């Protein structure tokens, strides 16, 4: 007998949210730049002089075009960072990383810099599943020459994917602590203890709770609307195929649950 998993209420989802939740991750990091800086230093294994959290949650790309929303966007004196929390494999993360990389560069150039003044940029995805399925806990990408991989392009752009489900395969203890916290909500380092405390503090913020619930309602509405649109498109396509087979419009309308008038219109076309 199959057991059906009960869907969480919005209040339960809020109370059970961990740092792996995009909303919580954004609020904790955006409102605690020192913690975000420490996270970046742990993940990148570099020292960062300082960071400034970008106040804009959405970056405008061009006049009249929709902007792009980044999870956590921070800039330093010579570096820029985008950190994304990803709990599922959507099948397009490499392309998203490419796009986000371009966004950071455009945003940097908008300040009037020359190309050689662009900041060194890091796109970081903290993923739960291994999207590359090679068993690594960390995948780092930069540009090399195909004909001779000893030659680097030196464009100072880096894309890193940390895989939480493979946390036990990473050698750096601090990085392992971060990934274990994302995967199992376990605190095993001073840093993860600090983050866990901030997550609990966040969930006592009444205004953030209101924002979270409104965001979830909007997401569910969009998902439901998308499913309805998909079902409608499938019914229309089925009707077209049945019309080609010479099935009567009346029968098709009953089978695919479309108005007869719409099926007749498809037949005319």
C-alpha atoms as a PDB file:
ATOM      1  CA  UNK A   1       0.000   0.000   0.000  1.00  0.00           C
ATOM      2  CA  UNK A   2       1.431   3.402  -0.971  1.00  0.00           C
ATOM      3  CA  UNK A   3       1.575   6.133   1.631  1.00  0.00           C
ATOM      4  CA  UNK A   4       0.753   9.643   0.511  1.00  0.00           C
ATOM      5  CA  UNK A   5       2.940  12.417   1.894  1.00  0.00           C
ATOM      6  CA  UNK A   6       0.810  15.164   3.370  1.00  0.00           C
ATOM      7  CA  UNK A   7       1.566  18.584   1.914  1.00  0.00           C
ATOM      8  CA  UNK A   8       2.785  21.075   4.475  1.00  0.00           C
ATOM      9  CA  UNK A   9       0.689  24.096   5.286  1.00  0.00           C
ATOM     10  CA  UNK A  10       2.346  27.448   4.655  1.00  0.00           C
ATOM     11  CA  UNK A  11       2.818  27.912   8.403  1.00  0.00           C
ATOM     12  CA  UNK A  12       4.436  24.465   8.707  1.00  0.00           C
ATOM     13  CA  UNK A  13       6.690  25.225   5.751  1.00  0.00           C
ATOM     14  CA  UNK A  14       7.793  28.436   7.428  1.00  0.00           C
ATOM     15  CA  UNK A  15       8.444  26.771  10.778  1.00  0.00           C
ATOM     16  CA  UNK A  16      10.359  23.891   9.148  1.00  0.00           C
ATOM     17  CA  UNK A  17      12.414  26.071   6.805  1.00  0.00           C
ATOM     18  CA  UNK A  18      16.206  25.718   7.019  1.00  0.00           C
ATOM     19  CA  UNK A  19      19.101  27.576   5.436  1.00  0.00           C
ATOM     20  CA  UNK A  20      18.434  25.468   2.298  1.00  0.00           C
ATOM     21  CA  UNK A  21      15.234  27.463   1.749  1.00  0.00           C
ATOM     22  CA  UNK A  22      15.891  30.239  -0.788  1.00  0.00           C
ATOM     23  CA  UNK A  23      13.896  32.846   1.132  1.00  0.00           C
ATOM     24  CA  UNK A  24      15.614  32.113   4.463  1.00  0.00           C
ATOM     25  CA  UNK A  25      19.027  31.937   2.794  1.00  0.00           C
ATOM     26  CA  UNK A  26      18.505  35.335   1.193  1.00  0.00           C
ATOM     27  CA  UNK A  27      17.272  37.007   4.380  1.00  0.00           C
ATOM     28  CA  UNK A  28      20.060  35.610   6.572  1.00  0.00           C
ATOM     29  CA  UNK A  29      22.874  36.465   4.167  1.00  0.00           C
ATOM     30  CA  UNK A  30      21.562  39.779   2.894  1.00  0.00           C
ATOM     31  CA  UNK A  31      20.999  41.122   6.394  1.00  0.00           C
ATOM     32  CA  UNK A  32      24.274  39.810   7.840  1.00  0.00           C
ATOM     33  CA  UNK A  33      27.089  40.858   5.488  1.00  0.00           C
ATOM     34  CA  UNK A  34      29.752  39.640   7.928  1.00  0.00           C
ATOM     35  CA  UNK A  35      28.260  36.140   7.806  1.00  0.00           C
ATOM     36  CA  UNK A  36      27.964  36.270   4.028  1.00  0.00           C
ATOM     37  CA  UNK A  37      31.619  37.340   3.800  1.00  0.00           C
ATOM     38  CA  UNK A  38      32.638  34.443   6.040  1.00  0.00           C
ATOM     39  CA  UNK A  39      30.634  32.006   3.914  1.00  0.00           C
ATOM     40  CA  UNK A  40      32.343  33.285   0.756  1.00  0.00           C
ATOM     41  CA  UNK A  41      35.767  32.950   2.357  1.00  0.00           C
ATOM     42  CA  UNK A  42      34.982  29.362   3.389  1.00  0.00           C
ATOM     43  CA  UNK A  43      33.663  28.326  -0.015  1.00  0.00           C
ATOM     44  CA  UNK A  44      36.283  30.115  -2.128  1.00  0.00           C
ATOM     45  CA  UNK A  45      39.200  29.604   0.290  1.00  0.00           C
ATOM     46  CA  UNK A  46      40.331  33.203  -0.155  1.00  0.00           C
ATOM     47  CA  UNK A  47      40.504  36.275   2.069  1.00  0.00           C
ATOM     48  CA  UNK A  48      38.108  39.074   1.158  1.00  0.00           C
ATOM     49  CA  UNK A  49      38.795  42.638   2.239  1.00  0.00           C
ATOM     50  CA  UNK A  50      35.139  43.577   2.571  1.00  0.00           C
ATOM     51  CA  UNK A  51      31.823  43.142   0.836  1.00  0.00           C
ATOM     52  CA  UNK A  52      28.842  45.379   0.267  1.00  0.00           C
ATOM     53  CA  UNK A  53      25.476  43.698  -0.156  1.00  0.00           C
ATOM     54  CA  UNK A  54      23.642  44.984  -3.165  1.00  0.00           C
ATOM     55  CA  UNK A  55      20.427  46.575  -1.940  1.00  0.00           C
ATOM     56  CA  UNK A  56      18.568  45.932  -5.173  1.00  0.00           C
ATOM     57  CA  UNK A  57      16.900  42.527  -5.211  1.00  0.00           C
ATOM     58  CA  UNK A  58      16.530  42.817  -8.981  1.00  0.00           C
ATOM     59  CA  UNK A  59      19.116  44.128 -11.430  1.00  0.00           C
ATOM     60  CA  UNK A  60      17.859  46.006 -14.475  1.00  0.00           C
ATOM     61  CA  UNK A  61      19.578  44.799 -17.647  1.00  0.00           C
ATOM     62  CA  UNK A  62      18.298  47.282 -20.195  1.00  0.00           C
ATOM     63  CA  UNK A  63      15.557  49.847 -20.496  1.00  0.00           C
ATOM     64  CA  UNK A  64      12.173  48.230 -20.994  1.00  0.00           C
ATOM     65  CA  UNK A  65      13.458  44.713 -20.246  1.00  0.00           C
ATOM     66  CA  UNK A  66      12.759  42.605 -17.184  1.00  0.00           C
ATOM     67  CA  UNK A  67      15.587  42.448 -14.669  1.00  0.00           C
ATOM     68  CA  UNK A  68      17.118  39.337 -13.185  1.00  0.00           C
ATOM     69  CA  UNK A  69      16.698  38.307  -9.560  1.00  0.00           C
ATOM     70  CA  UNK A  70      19.834  37.011  -7.840  1.00  0.00           C
ATOM     71  CA  UNK A  71      19.729  35.153  -4.512  1.00  0.00           C
ATOM     72  CA  UNK A  72      22.655  36.885  -2.789  1.00  0.00           C
ATOM     73  CA  UNK A  73      24.671  39.485  -4.685  1.00  0.00           C
ATOM     74  CA  UNK A  74      27.685  41.130  -3.049  1.00  0.00           C
ATOM     75  CA  UNK A  75      30.603  43.197  -4.275  1.00  0.00           C
ATOM     76  CA  UNK A  76      34.059  43.881  -2.870  1.00  0.00           C
ATOM     77  CA  UNK A  77      36.818  46.214  -3.948  1.00  0.00           C
ATOM     78  CA  UNK A  78      37.914  44.014  -6.859  1.00  0.00           C
ATOM     79  CA  UNK A  79      35.440  41.111  -6.769  1.00  0.00           C
ATOM     80  CA  UNK A  80      31.753  40.408  -7.245  1.00  0.00           C
ATOM     81  CA  UNK A  81      29.844  37.397  -5.965  1.00  0.00           C
ATOM     82  CA  UNK A  82      26.509  35.748  -6.650  1.00  0.00           C
ATOM     83  CA  UNK A  83      25.464  32.847  -4.402  1.00  0.00           C
ATOM     84  CA  UNK A  84      22.449  30.730  -5.349  1.00  0.00           C
ATOM     85  CA  UNK A  85      20.792  28.046  -3.211  1.00  0.00           C
ATOM     86  CA  UNK A  86      19.425  25.214  -5.379  1.00  0.00           C
ATOM     87  CA  UNK A  87      17.478  22.295  -3.892  1.00  0.00           C
ATOM     88  CA  UNK A  88      16.487  20.621  -7.195  1.00  0.00           C
ATOM     89  CA  UNK A  89      18.143  19.877 -10.522  1.00  0.00           C
ATOM     90  CA  UNK A  90      16.250  22.012 -13.020  1.00  0.00           C
ATOM     91  CA  UNK A  91      18.423  20.872 -15.920  1.00  0.00           C
ATOM     92  CA  UNK A  92      19.595  24.373 -16.841  1.00  0.00           C
ATOM     93  CA  UNK A  93      21.968  25.448 -14.071  1.00  0.00           C
ATOM     94  CA  UNK A  94      25.056  25.690 -16.338  1.00  0.00           C
ATOM     95  CA  UNK A  95      23.127  28.051 -18.638  1.00  0.00           C
ATOM     96  CA  UNK A  96      21.888  30.041 -15.642  1.00  0.00           C
ATOM     97  CA  UNK A  97      25.452  30.338 -14.386  1.00  0.00           C
ATOM     98  CA  UNK A  98      26.481  31.668 -17.793  1.00  0.00           C
ATOM     99  CA  UNK A  99      23.641  34.198 -17.763  1.00  0.00           C
ATOM    100  CA  UNK A 100      24.303  35.370 -14.210  1.00  0.00           C
ATOM    101  CA  UNK A 101      27.980  35.793 -15.065  1.00  0.00           C
ATOM    102  CA  UNK A 102      27.029  38.153 -17.884  1.00  0.00           C
ATOM    103  CA  UNK A 103      24.678  40.061 -15.575  1.00  0.00           C
ATOM    104  CA  UNK A 104      27.448  40.781 -13.078  1.00  0.00           C
ATOM    105  CA  UNK A 105      29.672  42.076 -15.893  1.00  0.00           C
ATOM    106  CA  UNK A 106      26.946  44.293 -17.366  1.00  0.00           C
ATOM    107  CA  UNK A 107      26.141  45.662 -13.923  1.00  0.00           C
ATOM    108  CA  UNK A 108      29.843  46.374 -13.377  1.00  0.00           C
ATOM    109  CA  UNK A 109      30.257  48.098 -16.758  1.00  0.00           C
ATOM    110  CA  UNK A 110      27.199  50.240 -16.094  1.00  0.00           C
ATOM    111  CA  UNK A 111      29.263  52.016 -13.450  1.00  0.00           C
ATOM    112  CA  UNK A 112      31.522  53.355 -16.220  1.00  0.00           C
ATOM    113  CA  UNK A 113      34.443  50.922 -16.031  1.00  0.00           C
ATOM    114  CA  UNK A 114      36.659  49.812 -18.915  1.00  0.00           C
ATOM    115  CA  UNK A 115      36.792  46.109 -19.751  1.00  0.00           C
ATOM    116  CA  UNK A 116      40.121  45.558 -17.985  1.00  0.00           C
ATOM    117  CA  UNK A 117      38.634  47.102 -14.833  1.00  0.00           C
ATOM    118  CA  UNK A 118      35.904  44.463 -14.532  1.00  0.00           C
ATOM    119  CA  UNK A 119      35.831  42.803 -11.142  1.00  0.00           C
ATOM    120  CA  UNK A 120      36.868  39.191 -10.711  1.00  0.00           C
ATOM    121  CA  UNK A 121      33.496  37.443 -10.558  1.00  0.00           C
ATOM    122  CA  UNK A 122      32.314  34.274  -8.857  1.00  0.00           C
ATOM    123  CA  UNK A 123      29.023  32.509  -9.539  1.00  0.00           C
ATOM    124  CA  UNK A 124      28.383  30.009  -6.750  1.00  0.00           C
ATOM    125  CA  UNK A 125      25.610  27.417  -6.677  1.00  0.00           C
ATOM    126  CA  UNK A 126      25.040  25.455  -3.468  1.00  0.00           C
ATOM    127  CA  UNK A 127      23.114  22.449  -4.763  1.00  0.00           C
ATOM    128  CA  UNK A 128      21.584  19.541  -2.900  1.00  0.00           C
ATOM    129  CA  UNK A 129      21.646  17.026  -5.817  1.00  0.00           C
ATOM    130  CA  UNK A 130      24.771  16.224  -7.840  1.00  0.00           C
ATOM    131  CA  UNK A 131      23.751  17.879 -11.099  1.00  0.00           C
ATOM    132  CA  UNK A 132      26.855  16.559 -12.907  1.00  0.00           C
ATOM    133  CA  UNK A 133      26.490  13.032 -11.460  1.00  0.00           C
ATOM    134  CA  UNK A 134      30.244  12.487 -11.157  1.00  0.00           C
ATOM    135  CA  UNK A 135      30.363  12.071  -7.389  1.00  0.00           C
ATOM    136  CA  UNK A 136      32.285  15.242  -6.556  1.00  0.00           C
ATOM    137  CA  UNK A 137      31.410  17.578  -3.723  1.00  0.00           C
ATOM    138  CA  UNK A 138      32.771  20.602  -5.568  1.00  0.00           C
ATOM    139  CA  UNK A 139      32.993  21.433  -9.289  1.00  0.00           C
ATOM    140  CA  UNK A 140      35.019  24.511 -10.277  1.00  0.00           C
ATOM    141  CA  UNK A 141      34.980  25.887 -13.818  1.00  0.00           C
ATOM    142  CA  UNK A 142      37.125  28.502 -15.522  1.00  0.00           C
ATOM    143  CA  UNK A 143      38.066  29.086 -19.157  1.00  0.00           C
ATOM    144  CA  UNK A 144      40.961  27.186 -20.739  1.00  0.00           C
ATOM    145  CA  UNK A 145      42.281  26.800 -24.279  1.00  0.00           C
ATOM    146  CA  UNK A 146      40.871  23.642 -25.882  1.00  0.00           C
ATOM    147  CA  UNK A 147      44.062  22.995 -27.881  1.00  0.00           C
ATOM    148  CA  UNK A 148      46.354  23.424 -24.867  1.00  0.00           C
ATOM    149  CA  UNK A 149      44.660  23.316 -21.451  1.00  0.00           C
ATOM    150  CA  UNK A 150      47.775  24.761 -19.825  1.00  0.00           C
ATOM    151  CA  UNK A 151      46.749  28.097 -21.323  1.00  0.00           C
ATOM    152  CA  UNK A 152      44.146  29.970 -19.297  1.00  0.00           C
ATOM    153  CA  UNK A 153      42.005  32.712 -20.766  1.00  0.00           C
ATOM    154  CA  UNK A 154      42.520  34.687 -17.538  1.00  0.00           C
ATOM    155  CA  UNK A 155      39.183  36.456 -17.860  1.00  0.00           C
ATOM    156  CA  UNK A 156      38.867  36.176 -14.060  1.00  0.00           C
ATOM    157  CA  UNK A 157      35.458  34.502 -14.133  1.00  0.00           C
ATOM    158  CA  UNK A 158      34.720  31.437 -12.013  1.00  0.00           C
ATOM    159  CA  UNK A 159      31.697  29.181 -11.667  1.00  0.00           C
ATOM    160  CA  UNK A 160      31.528  26.867  -8.666  1.00  0.00           C
ATOM    161  CA  UNK A 161      28.969  24.203  -7.834  1.00  0.00           C
ATOM    162  CA  UNK A 162      28.982  22.751  -4.298  1.00  0.00           C
ATOM    163  CA  UNK A 163      27.029  19.501  -3.883  1.00  0.00           C
ATOM    164  CA  UNK A 164      25.455  19.046  -0.455  1.00  0.00           C
ATOM    165  CA  UNK A 165      24.575  15.368  -0.904  1.00  0.00           C
ATOM    166  CA  UNK A 166      28.288  14.605  -1.408  1.00  0.00           C
ATOM    167  CA  UNK A 167      29.442  16.558   1.659  1.00  0.00           C
ATOM    168  CA  UNK A 168      31.351  13.574   3.068  1.00  0.00           C
ATOM    169  CA  UNK A 169      33.676  13.616   0.037  1.00  0.00           C
ATOM    170  CA  UNK A 170      35.008  17.119   0.590  1.00  0.00           C
ATOM    171  CA  UNK A 171      38.298  17.448   2.475  1.00  0.00           C
ATOM    172  CA  UNK A 172      37.918  21.007   3.768  1.00  0.00           C
ATOM    173  CA  UNK A 173      36.248  20.697   7.200  1.00  0.00           C
ATOM    174  CA  UNK A 174      34.615  24.144   7.056  1.00  0.00           C
ATOM    175  CA  UNK A 175      33.161  23.506   3.605  1.00  0.00           C
ATOM    176  CA  UNK A 176      31.927  20.119   4.802  1.00  0.00           C
ATOM    177  CA  UNK A 177      30.203  21.844   7.716  1.00  0.00           C
ATOM    178  CA  UNK A 178      28.391  24.214   5.335  1.00  0.00           C
ATOM    179  CA  UNK A 179      27.240  21.411   3.023  1.00  0.00           C
ATOM    180  CA  UNK A 180      26.174  19.182   5.918  1.00  0.00           C
ATOM    181  CA  UNK A 181      24.101  22.049   7.319  1.00  0.00           C
ATOM    182  CA  UNK A 182      22.408  22.508   3.922  1.00  0.00           C
ATOM    183  CA  UNK A 183      21.825  18.772   3.488  1.00  0.00           C
ATOM    184  CA  UNK A 184      20.764  17.670   6.974  1.00  0.00           C
ATOM    185  CA  UNK A 185      20.298  20.908   8.935  1.00  0.00           C
ATOM    186  CA  UNK A 186      23.126  19.768  11.234  1.00  0.00           C
ATOM    187  CA  UNK A 187      25.522  22.164  12.946  1.00  0.00           C
ATOM    188  CA  UNK A 188      29.055  20.763  13.198  1.00  0.00           C
ATOM    189  CA  UNK A 189      31.182  23.938  13.104  1.00  0.00           C
ATOM    190  CA  UNK A 190      31.171  27.338  14.782  1.00  0.00           C
ATOM    191  CA  UNK A 191      30.070  28.899  11.503  1.00  0.00           C
ATOM    192  CA  UNK A 192      27.124  26.534  11.022  1.00  0.00           C
ATOM    193  CA  UNK A 193      26.124  27.146  14.661  1.00  0.00           C
ATOM    194  CA  UNK A 194      26.077  30.867  13.916  1.00  0.00           C
ATOM    195  CA  UNK A 195      23.999  30.402  10.770  1.00  0.00           C
ATOM    196  CA  UNK A 196      21.540  28.070  12.526  1.00  0.00           C
ATOM    197  CA  UNK A 197      20.966  30.698  15.231  1.00  0.00           C
ATOM    198  CA  UNK A 198      20.324  33.338  12.568  1.00  0.00           C
ATOM    199  CA  UNK A 199      17.838  31.027  10.822  1.00  0.00           C
ATOM    200  CA  UNK A 200      15.876  30.650  14.068  1.00  0.00           C
ATOM    201  CA  UNK A 201      15.984  34.413  14.621  1.00  0.00           C
ATOM    202  CA  UNK A 202      14.679  34.937  11.071  1.00  0.00           C
ATOM    203  CA  UNK A 203      11.682  32.728  11.734  1.00  0.00           C
ATOM    204  CA  UNK A 204      10.682  34.974  14.649  1.00  0.00           C
ATOM    205  CA  UNK A 205      10.496  37.976  12.326  1.00  0.00           C
ATOM    206  CA  UNK A 206       6.768  38.588  11.762  1.00  0.00           C
ATOM    207  CA  UNK A 207       7.290  40.774   8.694  1.00  0.00           C
ATOM    208  CA  UNK A 208       9.512  38.181   6.998  1.00  0.00           C
ATOM    209  CA  UNK A 209       6.941  35.488   7.792  1.00  0.00           C
ATOM    210  CA  UNK A 210       4.292  37.618   6.036  1.00  0.00           C
ATOM    211  CA  UNK A 211       6.583  38.098   3.019  1.00  0.00           C
ATOM    212  CA  UNK A 212       7.321  34.369   2.898  1.00  0.00           C
ATOM    213  CA  UNK A 213       3.660  33.358   2.943  1.00  0.00           C
ATOM    214  CA  UNK A 214       2.760  35.922   0.274  1.00  0.00           C
ATOM    215  CA  UNK A 215       5.649  34.679  -1.888  1.00  0.00           C
ATOM    216  CA  UNK A 216       4.567  31.032  -1.475  1.00  0.00           C
ATOM    217  CA  UNK A 217       0.960  31.847  -2.369  1.00  0.00           C
ATOM    218  CA  UNK A 218       2.151  33.622  -5.527  1.00  0.00           C
ATOM    219  CA  UNK A 219       4.392  30.653  -6.443  1.00  0.00           C
ATOM    220  CA  UNK A 220       1.539  28.181  -5.995  1.00  0.00           C
ATOM    221  CA  UNK A 221      -0.785  30.337  -8.074  1.00  0.00           C
ATOM    222  CA  UNK A 222       1.759  30.564 -10.890  1.00  0.00           C
ATOM    223  CA  UNK A 223       2.351  26.790 -10.761  1.00  0.00           C
ATOM    224  CA  UNK A 224      -1.392  26.092 -10.889  1.00  0.00           C
ATOM    225  CA  UNK A 225      -1.847  28.522 -13.782  1.00  0.00           C
ATOM    226  CA  UNK A 226       1.038  26.887 -15.627  1.00  0.00           C
ATOM    227  CA  UNK A 227      -0.489  23.423 -15.214  1.00  0.00           C
ATOM    228  CA  UNK A 228      -3.835  24.638 -16.556  1.00  0.00           C
ATOM    229  CA  UNK A 229      -2.144  26.280 -19.534  1.00  0.00           C
ATOM    230  CA  UNK A 230      -0.200  23.086 -20.235  1.00  0.00           C
ATOM    231  CA  UNK A 231      -3.350  20.953 -20.058  1.00  0.00           C
ATOM    232  CA  UNK A 232      -5.116  23.331 -22.474  1.00  0.00           C
ATOM    233  CA  UNK A 233      -2.243  23.153 -24.973  1.00  0.00           C
ATOM    234  CA  UNK A 234      -2.216  19.348 -24.766  1.00  0.00           C
ATOM    235  CA  UNK A 235      -5.997  19.181 -25.393  1.00  0.00           C
ATOM    236  CA  UNK A 236      -5.702  21.436 -28.460  1.00  0.00           C
ATOM    237  CA  UNK A 237      -2.853  19.344 -29.875  1.00  0.00           C
ATOM    238  CA  UNK A 238      -4.833  16.124 -29.293  1.00  0.00           C
ATOM    239  CA  UNK A 239      -7.844  17.661 -31.035  1.00  0.00           C
ATOM    240  CA  UNK A 240      -5.716  18.551 -34.065  1.00  0.00           C
ATOM    241  CA  UNK A 241      -4.386  14.988 -34.326  1.00  0.00           C
ATOM    242  CA  UNK A 242      -7.873  13.476 -34.035  1.00  0.00           C
ATOM    243  CA  UNK A 243      -9.206  15.843 -36.694  1.00  0.00           C
ATOM    244  CA  UNK A 244      -6.479  14.620 -39.054  1.00  0.00           C
ATOM    245  CA  UNK A 245      -7.780  11.071 -38.456  1.00  0.00           C
ATOM    246  CA  UNK A 246     -11.258  12.137 -39.550  1.00  0.00           C
ATOM    247  CA  UNK A 247     -12.885  11.861 -36.102  1.00  0.00           C
ATOM    248  CA  UNK A 248     -16.033  13.977 -35.818  1.00  0.00           C
ATOM    249  CA  UNK A 249     -15.690  17.298 -33.928  1.00  0.00           C
ATOM    250  CA  UNK A 250     -18.530  16.290 -31.562  1.00  0.00           C
ATOM    251  CA  UNK A 251     -16.684  13.146 -30.443  1.00  0.00           C
ATOM    252  CA  UNK A 252     -13.382  15.033 -30.134  1.00  0.00           C
ATOM    253  CA  UNK A 253     -14.964  17.748 -27.996  1.00  0.00           C
ATOM    254  CA  UNK A 254     -16.259  15.113 -25.567  1.00  0.00           C
ATOM    255  CA  UNK A 255     -12.967  13.183 -25.466  1.00  0.00           C
ATOM    256  CA  UNK A 256     -10.528  16.050 -24.967  1.00  0.00           C
ATOM    257  CA  UNK A 257     -12.956  18.239 -22.982  1.00  0.00           C
ATOM    258  CA  UNK A 258     -12.842  21.260 -25.274  1.00  0.00           C
ATOM    259  CA  UNK A 259     -15.837  23.396 -26.315  1.00  0.00           C
ATOM    260  CA  UNK A 260     -17.306  22.180 -29.611  1.00  0.00           C
ATOM    261  CA  UNK A 261     -16.961  25.699 -31.026  1.00  0.00           C
ATOM    262  CA  UNK A 262     -13.186  25.587 -30.418  1.00  0.00           C
ATOM    263  CA  UNK A 263     -12.871  22.166 -32.120  1.00  0.00           C
ATOM    264  CA  UNK A 264     -14.863  23.420 -35.117  1.00  0.00           C
ATOM    265  CA  UNK A 265     -12.581  26.456 -35.326  1.00  0.00           C
ATOM    266  CA  UNK A 266      -9.540  24.140 -35.303  1.00  0.00           C
ATOM    267  CA  UNK A 267     -11.100  22.108 -38.093  1.00  0.00           C
ATOM    268  CA  UNK A 268     -11.552  25.236 -40.246  1.00  0.00           C
ATOM    269  CA  UNK A 269      -7.911  26.157 -39.724  1.00  0.00           C
END
